[in-house]
Amino acid sequence: MPHHDAPSGPPFRDPYPLRGRAALVTGASRRGGIGFAVARRLAAYGASVYLHHHRPHDEDQPWGADEATPAELAAAVREVALDGAVVAHGPGDLADPDAPAALVAEATAALGADRLDVLVANHGRSGGDGPLDAVDAAMLDAHWAVNTRSVILLVQALARQGRAPGGPSGRIVVMTSGQDVRGGMPDELAYGLAKGALSSAVRTLATALGADRYTVNAVNPGPVDTGYLTDEDHAAVAGLFPGGAWAEPDEPARLVSWLATDEARWITGEVVNSEGGFARWPPPAGRGGPGSGHA
């Protein structure tokens, strides 16, 4: 079970609950993405933050890479950070099996920390996919390598750093896309299977790491307006929300950031859905269901 870090006494909410802690956020390469919103929230809560990016993946997507450079994104995060906190960034192709451990080491060193306290695995591979009749072994392997294997290897590298005696417990949050809610994503089978595997993985990882004072949770953000749909498809998804509007990236970022604090110390092994009452079906024409592309 998680270690009790929060002091006893009357209820109190610290305005900077992550002061002095070091966080790695993967997939934080777009101003309109969830990763960037999470990084800003963690910094505003007091953490030092390392933003991971892999622009070649963004450049291959229909929406393209952000016009802002990684350094400019890091500067925007630094604007809300506390004095003395560090904000750094760096690239990494997480399809490489050696990249996760190297990224954890690089982030730790760049933040001037002994170990990372928070890991938010927000990255994801999109594209190069299809329905059951179209997928092949290469598609399945490519999505597994980035969307599942790299997350497990990131968690492994983090756990190998260990927790400081008497220090805060570690927080791990991974991102799913609602594949285990209803209907899945039949037109993006490789993506859906690889991301969906994380829903089960967090339960196993939470058990494996509980004695080492880590919590491990997954967040399903539901469809978030990160720019991956436009025109009629965008309007169709908006119409499936009770309020007729998409979630903005800061909606899941609020939840993810809260899970990184001591207020969430008793939550582990859970998949937390943050869908705003979304009625998942019917999907937009030509897609297996909204939810992908959230990085």
C-alpha atoms as a PDB file:
ATOM      1  CA  MET A   1       0.000   0.000   0.000  1.00  0.00           C
ATOM      2  CA  PRO A   2       1.137   3.589  -0.513  1.00  0.00           C
ATOM      3  CA  HIS A   3       3.247   5.159   2.198  1.00  0.00           C
ATOM      4  CA  HIS A   4       1.458   7.784   4.317  1.00  0.00           C
ATOM      5  CA  ASP A   5       3.242  10.996   3.383  1.00  0.00           C
ATOM      6  CA  ALA A   6       0.629  13.604   4.312  1.00  0.00           C
ATOM      7  CA  PRO A   7       0.816  14.995   7.852  1.00  0.00           C
ATOM      8  CA  SER A   8      -2.012  14.503  10.309  1.00  0.00           C
ATOM      9  CA  GLY A   9      -3.981  17.461  11.615  1.00  0.00           C
ATOM     10  CA  PRO A  10      -6.766  19.700  10.340  1.00  0.00           C
ATOM     11  CA  PRO A  11      -7.562  19.614   6.618  1.00  0.00           C
ATOM     12  CA  PHE A  12      -5.258  21.842   4.611  1.00  0.00           C
ATOM     13  CA  ARG A  13      -4.652  22.256   0.885  1.00  0.00           C
ATOM     14  CA  ASP A  14      -1.111  23.247  -0.031  1.00  0.00           C
ATOM     15  CA  PRO A  15      -1.161  25.640  -3.019  1.00  0.00           C
ATOM     16  CA  TYR A  16       2.114  24.074  -4.191  1.00  0.00           C
ATOM     17  CA  PRO A  17       1.655  20.372  -3.427  1.00  0.00           C
ATOM     18  CA  LEU A  18       4.512  19.269  -5.697  1.00  0.00           C
ATOM     19  CA  ARG A  19       7.114  21.750  -4.501  1.00  0.00           C
ATOM     20  CA  GLY A  20      10.561  20.153  -4.558  1.00  0.00           C
ATOM     21  CA  ARG A  21       9.524  17.144  -6.642  1.00  0.00           C
ATOM     22  CA  ALA A  22      10.824  16.097 -10.045  1.00  0.00           C
ATOM     23  CA  ALA A  23       8.491  15.041 -12.851  1.00  0.00           C
ATOM     24  CA  LEU A  24       8.899  13.560 -16.328  1.00  0.00           C
ATOM     25  CA  VAL A  25       6.074  14.075 -18.838  1.00  0.00           C
ATOM     26  CA  THR A  26       6.333  12.191 -22.114  1.00  0.00           C
ATOM     27  CA  GLY A  27       4.652  13.280 -25.322  1.00  0.00           C
ATOM     28  CA  ALA A  28       4.744  16.979 -24.422  1.00  0.00           C
ATOM     29  CA  SER A  29       5.551  18.416 -27.827  1.00  0.00           C
ATOM     30  CA  ARG A  30       2.407  20.322 -28.838  1.00  0.00           C
ATOM     31  CA  ARG A  31       0.834  23.400 -27.261  1.00  0.00           C
ATOM     32  CA  GLY A  32      -2.600  21.945 -27.990  1.00  0.00           C
ATOM     33  CA  GLY A  33      -1.799  18.551 -26.478  1.00  0.00           C
ATOM     34  CA  ILE A  34      -2.509  16.949 -23.122  1.00  0.00           C
ATOM     35  CA  GLY A  35       1.193  16.480 -22.344  1.00  0.00           C
ATOM     36  CA  PHE A  36       1.900  20.206 -22.514  1.00  0.00           C
ATOM     37  CA  ALA A  37      -1.149  20.971 -20.356  1.00  0.00           C
ATOM     38  CA  VAL A  38       0.005  18.400 -17.780  1.00  0.00           C
ATOM     39  CA  ALA A  39       3.523  19.842 -17.739  1.00  0.00           C
ATOM     40  CA  ARG A  40       2.141  23.331 -17.106  1.00  0.00           C
ATOM     41  CA  ARG A  41      -0.065  22.074 -14.274  1.00  0.00           C
ATOM     42  CA  LEU A  42       2.743  20.146 -12.592  1.00  0.00           C
ATOM     43  CA  ALA A  43       5.018  23.190 -12.815  1.00  0.00           C
ATOM     44  CA  ALA A  44       2.280  25.440 -11.411  1.00  0.00           C
ATOM     45  CA  TYR A  45       1.947  22.997  -8.497  1.00  0.00           C
ATOM     46  CA  GLY A  46       5.636  23.456  -7.744  1.00  0.00           C
ATOM     47  CA  ALA A  47       7.384  20.576  -9.519  1.00  0.00           C
ATOM     48  CA  SER A  48      10.515  20.665 -11.625  1.00  0.00           C
ATOM     49  CA  VAL A  49       9.444  19.257 -14.991  1.00  0.00           C
ATOM     50  CA  TYR A  50      11.152  17.549 -17.921  1.00  0.00           C
ATOM     51  CA  LEU A  51       9.232  17.618 -21.215  1.00  0.00           C
ATOM     52  CA  HIS A  52       9.915  14.709 -23.569  1.00  0.00           C
ATOM     53  CA  HIS A  53       9.219  15.126 -27.287  1.00  0.00           C
ATOM     54  CA  HIS A  54       9.540  13.179 -30.543  1.00  0.00           C
ATOM     55  CA  ARG A  55       8.841  15.620 -33.356  1.00  0.00           C
ATOM     56  CA  PRO A  56       9.304  13.121 -36.233  1.00  0.00           C
ATOM     57  CA  HIS A  57       6.082  11.421 -35.105  1.00  0.00           C
ATOM     58  CA  ASP A  58       4.232  14.749 -35.048  1.00  0.00           C
ATOM     59  CA  GLU A  59       5.548  15.637 -38.504  1.00  0.00           C
ATOM     60  CA  ASP A  60       4.068  12.424 -39.908  1.00  0.00           C
ATOM     61  CA  GLN A  61       0.577  13.230 -38.612  1.00  0.00           C
ATOM     62  CA  PRO A  62      -2.065  15.105 -40.655  1.00  0.00           C
ATOM     63  CA  TRP A  63      -1.923  18.021 -38.205  1.00  0.00           C
ATOM     64  CA  GLY A  64       1.873  18.226 -38.330  1.00  0.00           C
ATOM     65  CA  ALA A  65       4.372  19.326 -35.717  1.00  0.00           C
ATOM     66  CA  ASP A  66       3.830  22.398 -33.559  1.00  0.00           C
ATOM     67  CA  GLU A  67       5.222  25.653 -34.934  1.00  0.00           C
ATOM     68  CA  ALA A  68       6.703  26.286 -31.499  1.00  0.00           C
ATOM     69  CA  THR A  69      10.066  24.657 -30.886  1.00  0.00           C
ATOM     70  CA  PRO A  70      10.593  22.357 -27.880  1.00  0.00           C
ATOM     71  CA  ALA A  71      12.613  25.141 -26.266  1.00  0.00           C
ATOM     72  CA  GLU A  72       9.698  27.544 -26.685  1.00  0.00           C
ATOM     73  CA  LEU A  73       7.312  25.024 -25.157  1.00  0.00           C
ATOM     74  CA  ALA A  74       9.652  24.568 -22.214  1.00  0.00           C
ATOM     75  CA  ALA A  75       9.826  28.347 -21.822  1.00  0.00           C
ATOM     76  CA  ALA A  76       6.022  28.496 -21.659  1.00  0.00           C
ATOM     77  CA  VAL A  77       6.066  25.928 -18.869  1.00  0.00           C
ATOM     78  CA  ARG A  78       8.837  27.812 -17.089  1.00  0.00           C
ATOM     79  CA  GLU A  79       6.587  30.899 -16.988  1.00  0.00           C
ATOM     80  CA  VAL A  80       4.336  29.216 -14.390  1.00  0.00           C
ATOM     81  CA  ALA A  81       7.068  27.406 -12.423  1.00  0.00           C
ATOM     82  CA  LEU A  82       8.171  28.405  -8.941  1.00  0.00           C
ATOM     83  CA  ASP A  83      11.459  30.187  -8.376  1.00  0.00           C
ATOM     84  CA  GLY A  84      14.172  27.576  -8.110  1.00  0.00           C
ATOM     85  CA  ALA A  85      12.260  24.901 -10.011  1.00  0.00           C
ATOM     86  CA  VAL A  86      13.880  23.521 -13.149  1.00  0.00           C
ATOM     87  CA  VAL A  87      12.166  23.064 -16.517  1.00  0.00           C
ATOM     88  CA  ALA A  88      14.064  21.093 -19.140  1.00  0.00           C
ATOM     89  CA  HIS A  89      13.269  19.176 -22.313  1.00  0.00           C
ATOM     90  CA  GLY A  90      14.732  16.592 -24.651  1.00  0.00           C
ATOM     91  CA  PRO A  91      13.944  14.196 -27.489  1.00  0.00           C
ATOM     92  CA  GLY A  92      13.504  10.462 -27.457  1.00  0.00           C
ATOM     93  CA  ASP A  93      12.210   7.810 -29.840  1.00  0.00           C
ATOM     94  CA  LEU A  94      10.475   5.451 -27.444  1.00  0.00           C
ATOM     95  CA  ALA A  95      10.193   2.781 -30.132  1.00  0.00           C
ATOM     96  CA  ASP A  96      13.852   2.085 -29.312  1.00  0.00           C
ATOM     97  CA  PRO A  97      13.908  -0.406 -26.413  1.00  0.00           C
ATOM     98  CA  ASP A  98      16.902   1.380 -24.874  1.00  0.00           C
ATOM     99  CA  ALA A  99      15.263   4.816 -24.997  1.00  0.00           C
ATOM    100  CA  PRO A 100      13.012   4.606 -21.902  1.00  0.00           C
ATOM    101  CA  ALA A 101      15.847   3.969 -19.443  1.00  0.00           C
ATOM    102  CA  ALA A 102      18.003   6.590 -21.151  1.00  0.00           C
ATOM    103  CA  LEU A 103      15.158   9.111 -20.952  1.00  0.00           C
ATOM    104  CA  VAL A 104      14.618   8.533 -17.232  1.00  0.00           C
ATOM    105  CA  ALA A 105      18.342   8.995 -16.607  1.00  0.00           C
ATOM    106  CA  GLU A 106      18.511  12.131 -18.752  1.00  0.00           C
ATOM    107  CA  ALA A 107      15.453  13.694 -17.122  1.00  0.00           C
ATOM    108  CA  THR A 108      16.758  12.978 -13.632  1.00  0.00           C
ATOM    109  CA  ALA A 109      20.119  14.567 -14.389  1.00  0.00           C
ATOM    110  CA  ALA A 110      18.614  17.560 -16.210  1.00  0.00           C
ATOM    111  CA  LEU A 111      16.371  18.345 -13.250  1.00  0.00           C
ATOM    112  CA  GLY A 112      19.269  18.052 -10.820  1.00  0.00           C
ATOM    113  CA  ALA A 113      17.417  15.362  -8.880  1.00  0.00           C
ATOM    114  CA  ASP A 114      18.497  12.149  -7.210  1.00  0.00           C
ATOM    115  CA  ARG A 115      15.400  10.424  -8.557  1.00  0.00           C
ATOM    116  CA  LEU A 116      12.127  11.207 -10.291  1.00  0.00           C
ATOM    117  CA  ASP A 117       9.026  11.519  -8.141  1.00  0.00           C
ATOM    118  CA  VAL A 118       6.416  11.676 -10.903  1.00  0.00           C
ATOM    119  CA  LEU A 119       6.117   9.933 -14.273  1.00  0.00           C
ATOM    120  CA  VAL A 120       3.287  10.840 -16.646  1.00  0.00           C
ATOM    121  CA  ALA A 121       3.446   8.512 -19.665  1.00  0.00           C
ATOM    122  CA  ASN A 122       1.346  10.537 -22.071  1.00  0.00           C
ATOM    123  CA  HIS A 123       3.051   9.682 -25.363  1.00  0.00           C
ATOM    124  CA  GLY A 124       1.412   7.569 -28.023  1.00  0.00           C
ATOM    125  CA  ARG A 125       1.893   6.321 -31.557  1.00  0.00           C
ATOM    126  CA  SER A 126      -0.943   7.171 -33.950  1.00  0.00           C
ATOM    127  CA  GLY A 127      -1.389   6.179 -37.579  1.00  0.00           C
ATOM    128  CA  GLY A 128      -0.191   3.180 -39.559  1.00  0.00           C
ATOM    129  CA  ASP A 129      -3.233   1.249 -38.446  1.00  0.00           C
ATOM    130  CA  GLY A 130      -6.531  -0.192 -39.646  1.00  0.00           C
ATOM    131  CA  PRO A 131      -9.363  -2.665 -38.992  1.00  0.00           C
ATOM    132  CA  LEU A 132      -8.865  -6.362 -38.330  1.00  0.00           C
ATOM    133  CA  ASP A 133      -8.659  -7.345 -41.993  1.00  0.00           C
ATOM    134  CA  ALA A 134      -6.012  -4.687 -42.728  1.00  0.00           C
ATOM    135  CA  VAL A 135      -3.577  -4.922 -39.817  1.00  0.00           C
ATOM    136  CA  ASP A 136      -0.437  -6.994 -40.082  1.00  0.00           C
ATOM    137  CA  ALA A 137       2.324  -8.067 -37.722  1.00  0.00           C
ATOM    138  CA  ALA A 138       4.432  -4.972 -38.406  1.00  0.00           C
ATOM    139  CA  MET A 139       1.552  -2.637 -37.484  1.00  0.00           C
ATOM    140  CA  LEU A 140       0.822  -4.553 -34.307  1.00  0.00           C
ATOM    141  CA  ASP A 141       4.489  -4.612 -33.298  1.00  0.00           C
ATOM    142  CA  ALA A 142       4.992  -0.894 -33.982  1.00  0.00           C
ATOM    143  CA  HIS A 143       2.050   0.119 -31.794  1.00  0.00           C
ATOM    144  CA  TRP A 144       2.958  -2.352 -29.068  1.00  0.00           C
ATOM    145  CA  ALA A 145       6.539  -1.041 -28.956  1.00  0.00           C
ATOM    146  CA  VAL A 146       5.538   2.589 -28.366  1.00  0.00           C
ATOM    147  CA  ASN A 147       2.129   2.454 -26.705  1.00  0.00           C
ATOM    148  CA  THR A 148       2.747  -0.431 -24.310  1.00  0.00           C
ATOM    149  CA  ARG A 149       6.309  -1.731 -24.127  1.00  0.00           C
ATOM    150  CA  SER A 150       7.911   1.680 -23.715  1.00  0.00           C
ATOM    151  CA  VAL A 151       5.550   2.534 -20.854  1.00  0.00           C
ATOM    152  CA  ILE A 152       6.477  -0.641 -18.972  1.00  0.00           C
ATOM    153  CA  LEU A 153      10.178   0.072 -19.531  1.00  0.00           C
ATOM    154  CA  LEU A 154       9.772   3.661 -18.315  1.00  0.00           C
ATOM    155  CA  VAL A 155       8.112   2.381 -15.144  1.00  0.00           C
ATOM    156  CA  GLN A 156      10.882  -0.184 -14.706  1.00  0.00           C
ATOM    157  CA  ALA A 157      13.594   2.467 -15.018  1.00  0.00           C
ATOM    158  CA  LEU A 158      11.788   4.716 -12.549  1.00  0.00           C
ATOM    159  CA  ALA A 159      11.337   1.907 -10.027  1.00  0.00           C
ATOM    160  CA  ARG A 160      15.014   0.998 -10.227  1.00  0.00           C
ATOM    161  CA  GLN A 161      15.867   4.472  -8.919  1.00  0.00           C
ATOM    162  CA  GLY A 162      14.098   3.583  -5.655  1.00  0.00           C
ATOM    163  CA  ARG A 163      12.444   5.892  -3.151  1.00  0.00           C
ATOM    164  CA  ALA A 164      14.304   7.976  -0.608  1.00  0.00           C
ATOM    165  CA  PRO A 165      13.703   6.866   3.006  1.00  0.00           C
ATOM    166  CA  GLY A 166      11.247   9.269   4.558  1.00  0.00           C
ATOM    167  CA  GLY A 167      10.687  11.072   1.269  1.00  0.00           C
ATOM    168  CA  PRO A 168       7.512  11.293  -0.775  1.00  0.00           C
ATOM    169  CA  SER A 169       6.175   8.208  -2.479  1.00  0.00           C
ATOM    170  CA  GLY A 170       6.307   7.980  -6.258  1.00  0.00           C
ATOM    171  CA  ARG A 171       3.443   8.709  -8.633  1.00  0.00           C
ATOM    172  CA  ILE A 172       2.984   7.018 -11.999  1.00  0.00           C
ATOM    173  CA  VAL A 173       0.140   7.969 -14.341  1.00  0.00           C
ATOM    174  CA  VAL A 174      -0.320   6.430 -17.798  1.00  0.00           C
ATOM    175  CA  MET A 175      -2.828   7.365 -20.478  1.00  0.00           C
ATOM    176  CA  THR A 176      -5.362   5.064 -22.085  1.00  0.00           C
ATOM    177  CA  SER A 177      -8.000   6.048 -24.643  1.00  0.00           C
ATOM    178  CA  GLY A 178     -11.136   4.367 -23.326  1.00  0.00           C
ATOM    179  CA  GLN A 179     -10.722   1.122 -25.227  1.00  0.00           C
ATOM    180  CA  ASP A 180     -12.112  -0.885 -22.319  1.00  0.00           C
ATOM    181  CA  VAL A 181     -15.202   1.285 -21.790  1.00  0.00           C
ATOM    182  CA  ARG A 182     -17.516   0.314 -24.643  1.00  0.00           C
ATOM    183  CA  GLY A 183     -17.008  -0.679 -28.239  1.00  0.00           C
ATOM    184  CA  GLY A 184     -13.255  -0.220 -28.464  1.00  0.00           C
ATOM    185  CA  MET A 185     -11.680   1.165 -31.632  1.00  0.00           C
ATOM    186  CA  PRO A 186     -12.279  -1.422 -34.389  1.00  0.00           C
ATOM    187  CA  ASP A 187     -10.907   0.803 -37.170  1.00  0.00           C
ATOM    188  CA  GLU A 188      -7.680   1.457 -35.252  1.00  0.00           C
ATOM    189  CA  LEU A 189      -7.121  -2.029 -33.972  1.00  0.00           C
ATOM    190  CA  ALA A 190      -3.371  -1.918 -33.338  1.00  0.00           C
ATOM    191  CA  TYR A 191      -3.596   1.365 -31.430  1.00  0.00           C
ATOM    192  CA  GLY A 192      -6.645   0.258 -29.467  1.00  0.00           C
ATOM    193  CA  LEU A 193      -5.134  -3.052 -28.405  1.00  0.00           C
ATOM    194  CA  ALA A 194      -1.799  -1.555 -27.387  1.00  0.00           C
ATOM    195  CA  LYS A 195      -3.310   1.331 -25.421  1.00  0.00           C
ATOM    196  CA  GLY A 196      -5.990  -0.890 -23.936  1.00  0.00           C
ATOM    197  CA  ALA A 197      -3.339  -3.198 -22.524  1.00  0.00           C
ATOM    198  CA  LEU A 198      -2.333  -0.407 -20.148  1.00  0.00           C
ATOM    199  CA  SER A 199      -5.686  -0.668 -18.375  1.00  0.00           C
ATOM    200  CA  SER A 200      -4.693  -4.113 -17.132  1.00  0.00           C
ATOM    201  CA  ALA A 201      -1.024  -3.241 -16.750  1.00  0.00           C
ATOM    202  CA  VAL A 202      -1.634  -0.557 -14.119  1.00  0.00           C
ATOM    203  CA  ARG A 203      -3.320  -3.076 -11.826  1.00  0.00           C
ATOM    204  CA  THR A 204      -0.374  -5.447 -12.066  1.00  0.00           C
ATOM    205  CA  LEU A 205       2.179  -2.644 -11.711  1.00  0.00           C
ATOM    206  CA  ALA A 206       0.371  -1.178  -8.713  1.00  0.00           C
ATOM    207  CA  THR A 207       0.623  -4.526  -6.959  1.00  0.00           C
ATOM    208  CA  ALA A 208       4.248  -5.007  -7.977  1.00  0.00           C
ATOM    209  CA  LEU A 209       5.314  -1.532  -6.818  1.00  0.00           C
ATOM    210  CA  GLY A 210       3.054  -0.949  -3.831  1.00  0.00           C
ATOM    211  CA  ALA A 211       5.626  -2.093  -1.301  1.00  0.00           C
ATOM    212  CA  ASP A 212       8.156   0.249  -2.935  1.00  0.00           C
ATOM    213  CA  ARG A 213       5.846   3.218  -2.247  1.00  0.00           C
ATOM    214  CA  TYR A 214       4.573   3.943  -5.737  1.00  0.00           C
ATOM    215  CA  THR A 215       1.024   4.493  -6.860  1.00  0.00           C
ATOM    216  CA  VAL A 216       0.231   3.521 -10.451  1.00  0.00           C
ATOM    217  CA  ASN A 217      -2.932   4.685 -12.194  1.00  0.00           C
ATOM    218  CA  ALA A 218      -4.303   5.190 -15.683  1.00  0.00           C
ATOM    219  CA  VAL A 219      -6.407   8.068 -16.957  1.00  0.00           C
ATOM    220  CA  ASN A 220      -8.850   7.746 -19.829  1.00  0.00           C
ATOM    221  CA  PRO A 221      -9.348  11.360 -20.928  1.00  0.00           C
ATOM    222  CA  GLY A 222     -12.065  10.622 -23.451  1.00  0.00           C
ATOM    223  CA  PRO A 223     -12.081  12.710 -26.616  1.00  0.00           C
ATOM    224  CA  VAL A 224     -10.000  15.840 -26.082  1.00  0.00           C
ATOM    225  CA  ASP A 225      -9.748  18.637 -28.617  1.00  0.00           C
ATOM    226  CA  THR A 226      -6.057  18.383 -29.474  1.00  0.00           C
ATOM    227  CA  GLY A 227      -6.577  19.217 -33.145  1.00  0.00           C
ATOM    228  CA  TYR A 228      -6.800  15.717 -34.584  1.00  0.00           C
ATOM    229  CA  LEU A 229     -10.352  16.105 -35.970  1.00  0.00           C
ATOM    230  CA  THR A 230     -11.860  18.947 -37.978  1.00  0.00           C
ATOM    231  CA  ASP A 231     -15.045  19.974 -39.757  1.00  0.00           C
ATOM    232  CA  GLU A 232     -17.912  17.447 -39.720  1.00  0.00           C
ATOM    233  CA  ASP A 233     -16.060  14.868 -37.633  1.00  0.00           C
ATOM    234  CA  HIS A 234     -15.213  17.510 -35.039  1.00  0.00           C
ATOM    235  CA  ALA A 235     -18.849  18.605 -34.838  1.00  0.00           C
ATOM    236  CA  ALA A 236     -20.079  15.005 -34.636  1.00  0.00           C
ATOM    237  CA  VAL A 237     -17.909  14.295 -31.604  1.00  0.00           C
ATOM    238  CA  ALA A 238     -18.937  17.557 -29.930  1.00  0.00           C
ATOM    239  CA  GLY A 239     -22.554  16.499 -30.317  1.00  0.00           C
ATOM    240  CA  LEU A 240     -21.934  13.367 -28.261  1.00  0.00           C
ATOM    241  CA  PHE A 241     -21.104  15.421 -25.161  1.00  0.00           C
ATOM    242  CA  PRO A 242     -24.060  16.532 -23.012  1.00  0.00           C
ATOM    243  CA  GLY A 243     -22.927  20.153 -23.276  1.00  0.00           C
ATOM    244  CA  GLY A 244     -22.174  19.933 -26.983  1.00  0.00           C
ATOM    245  CA  ALA A 245     -18.498  20.825 -26.569  1.00  0.00           C
ATOM    246  CA  TRP A 246     -15.228  18.913 -26.504  1.00  0.00           C
ATOM    247  CA  ALA A 247     -12.962  18.597 -23.498  1.00  0.00           C
ATOM    248  CA  GLU A 248      -9.984  20.941 -23.561  1.00  0.00           C
ATOM    249  CA  PRO A 249      -6.499  19.536 -22.765  1.00  0.00           C
ATOM    250  CA  ASP A 250      -6.510  21.087 -19.307  1.00  0.00           C
ATOM    251  CA  GLU A 251      -9.484  18.931 -18.252  1.00  0.00           C
ATOM    252  CA  PRO A 252      -7.505  15.656 -18.096  1.00  0.00           C
ATOM    253  CA  ALA A 253      -4.432  17.634 -16.992  1.00  0.00           C
ATOM    254  CA  ARG A 254      -6.242  18.621 -13.799  1.00  0.00           C
ATOM    255  CA  LEU A 255      -6.951  14.986 -12.980  1.00  0.00           C
ATOM    256  CA  VAL A 256      -3.467  13.758 -13.864  1.00  0.00           C
ATOM    257  CA  SER A 257      -1.845  16.486 -11.776  1.00  0.00           C
ATOM    258  CA  TRP A 258      -4.071  15.732  -8.804  1.00  0.00           C
ATOM    259  CA  LEU A 259      -3.136  12.047  -9.000  1.00  0.00           C
ATOM    260  CA  ALA A 260       0.503  13.174  -8.729  1.00  0.00           C
ATOM    261  CA  THR A 261      -0.120  14.833  -5.354  1.00  0.00           C
ATOM    262  CA  ASP A 262      -0.303  13.390  -1.850  1.00  0.00           C
ATOM    263  CA  GLU A 263      -4.057  13.965  -1.845  1.00  0.00           C
ATOM    264  CA  ALA A 264      -4.304  10.941  -4.149  1.00  0.00           C
ATOM    265  CA  ARG A 265      -1.976   8.728  -2.109  1.00  0.00           C
ATOM    266  CA  TRP A 266      -4.706   6.121  -1.463  1.00  0.00           C
ATOM    267  CA  ILE A 267      -5.621   5.674  -5.130  1.00  0.00           C
ATOM    268  CA  THR A 268      -3.629   3.036  -7.000  1.00  0.00           C
ATOM    269  CA  GLY A 269      -4.261   0.364  -9.598  1.00  0.00           C
ATOM    270  CA  GLU A 270      -7.216   2.291 -11.015  1.00  0.00           C
ATOM    271  CA  VAL A 271      -8.344   3.377 -14.454  1.00  0.00           C
ATOM    272  CA  VAL A 272     -10.016   6.755 -13.951  1.00  0.00           C
ATOM    273  CA  ASN A 273     -12.405   7.821 -16.711  1.00  0.00           C
ATOM    274  CA  SER A 274     -12.684  11.553 -17.338  1.00  0.00           C
ATOM    275  CA  GLU A 275     -15.156  11.711 -20.206  1.00  0.00           C
ATOM    276  CA  GLY A 276     -17.597  14.447 -19.201  1.00  0.00           C
ATOM    277  CA  GLY A 277     -20.662  12.279 -19.819  1.00  0.00           C
ATOM    278  CA  PHE A 278     -19.552  11.407 -23.369  1.00  0.00           C
ATOM    279  CA  ALA A 279     -21.895   9.056 -25.238  1.00  0.00           C
ATOM    280  CA  ARG A 280     -19.218   7.054 -27.023  1.00  0.00           C
ATOM    281  CA  TRP A 281     -21.279   5.866 -30.013  1.00  0.00           C
ATOM    282  CA  PRO A 282     -22.017   6.329 -32.860  1.00  0.00           C
ATOM    283  CA  PRO A 283     -18.515   7.327 -33.989  1.00  0.00           C
ATOM    284  CA  PRO A 284     -17.760   9.818 -36.773  1.00  0.00           C
ATOM    285  CA  ALA A 285     -17.908   8.278 -40.238  1.00  0.00           C
ATOM    286  CA  GLY A 286     -14.819   6.348 -41.199  1.00  0.00           C
ATOM    287  CA  ARG A 287     -13.362   6.062 -37.701  1.00  0.00           C
ATOM    288  CA  GLY A 288     -13.504   3.285 -35.159  1.00  0.00           C
ATOM    289  CA  GLY A 289     -14.428   5.662 -32.398  1.00  0.00           C
ATOM    290  CA  PRO A 290     -12.989   8.905 -31.052  1.00  0.00           C
ATOM    291  CA  GLY A 291     -10.344   8.912 -28.395  1.00  0.00           C
ATOM    292  CA  SER A 292      -6.984   8.520 -30.106  1.00  0.00           C
ATOM    293  CA  GLY A 293      -4.404  11.178 -30.763  1.00  0.00           C
ATOM    294  CA  HIS A 294      -4.447  12.642 -27.286  1.00  0.00           C
ATOM    295  CA  ALA A 295      -0.717  13.114 -26.804  1.00  0.00           C
END
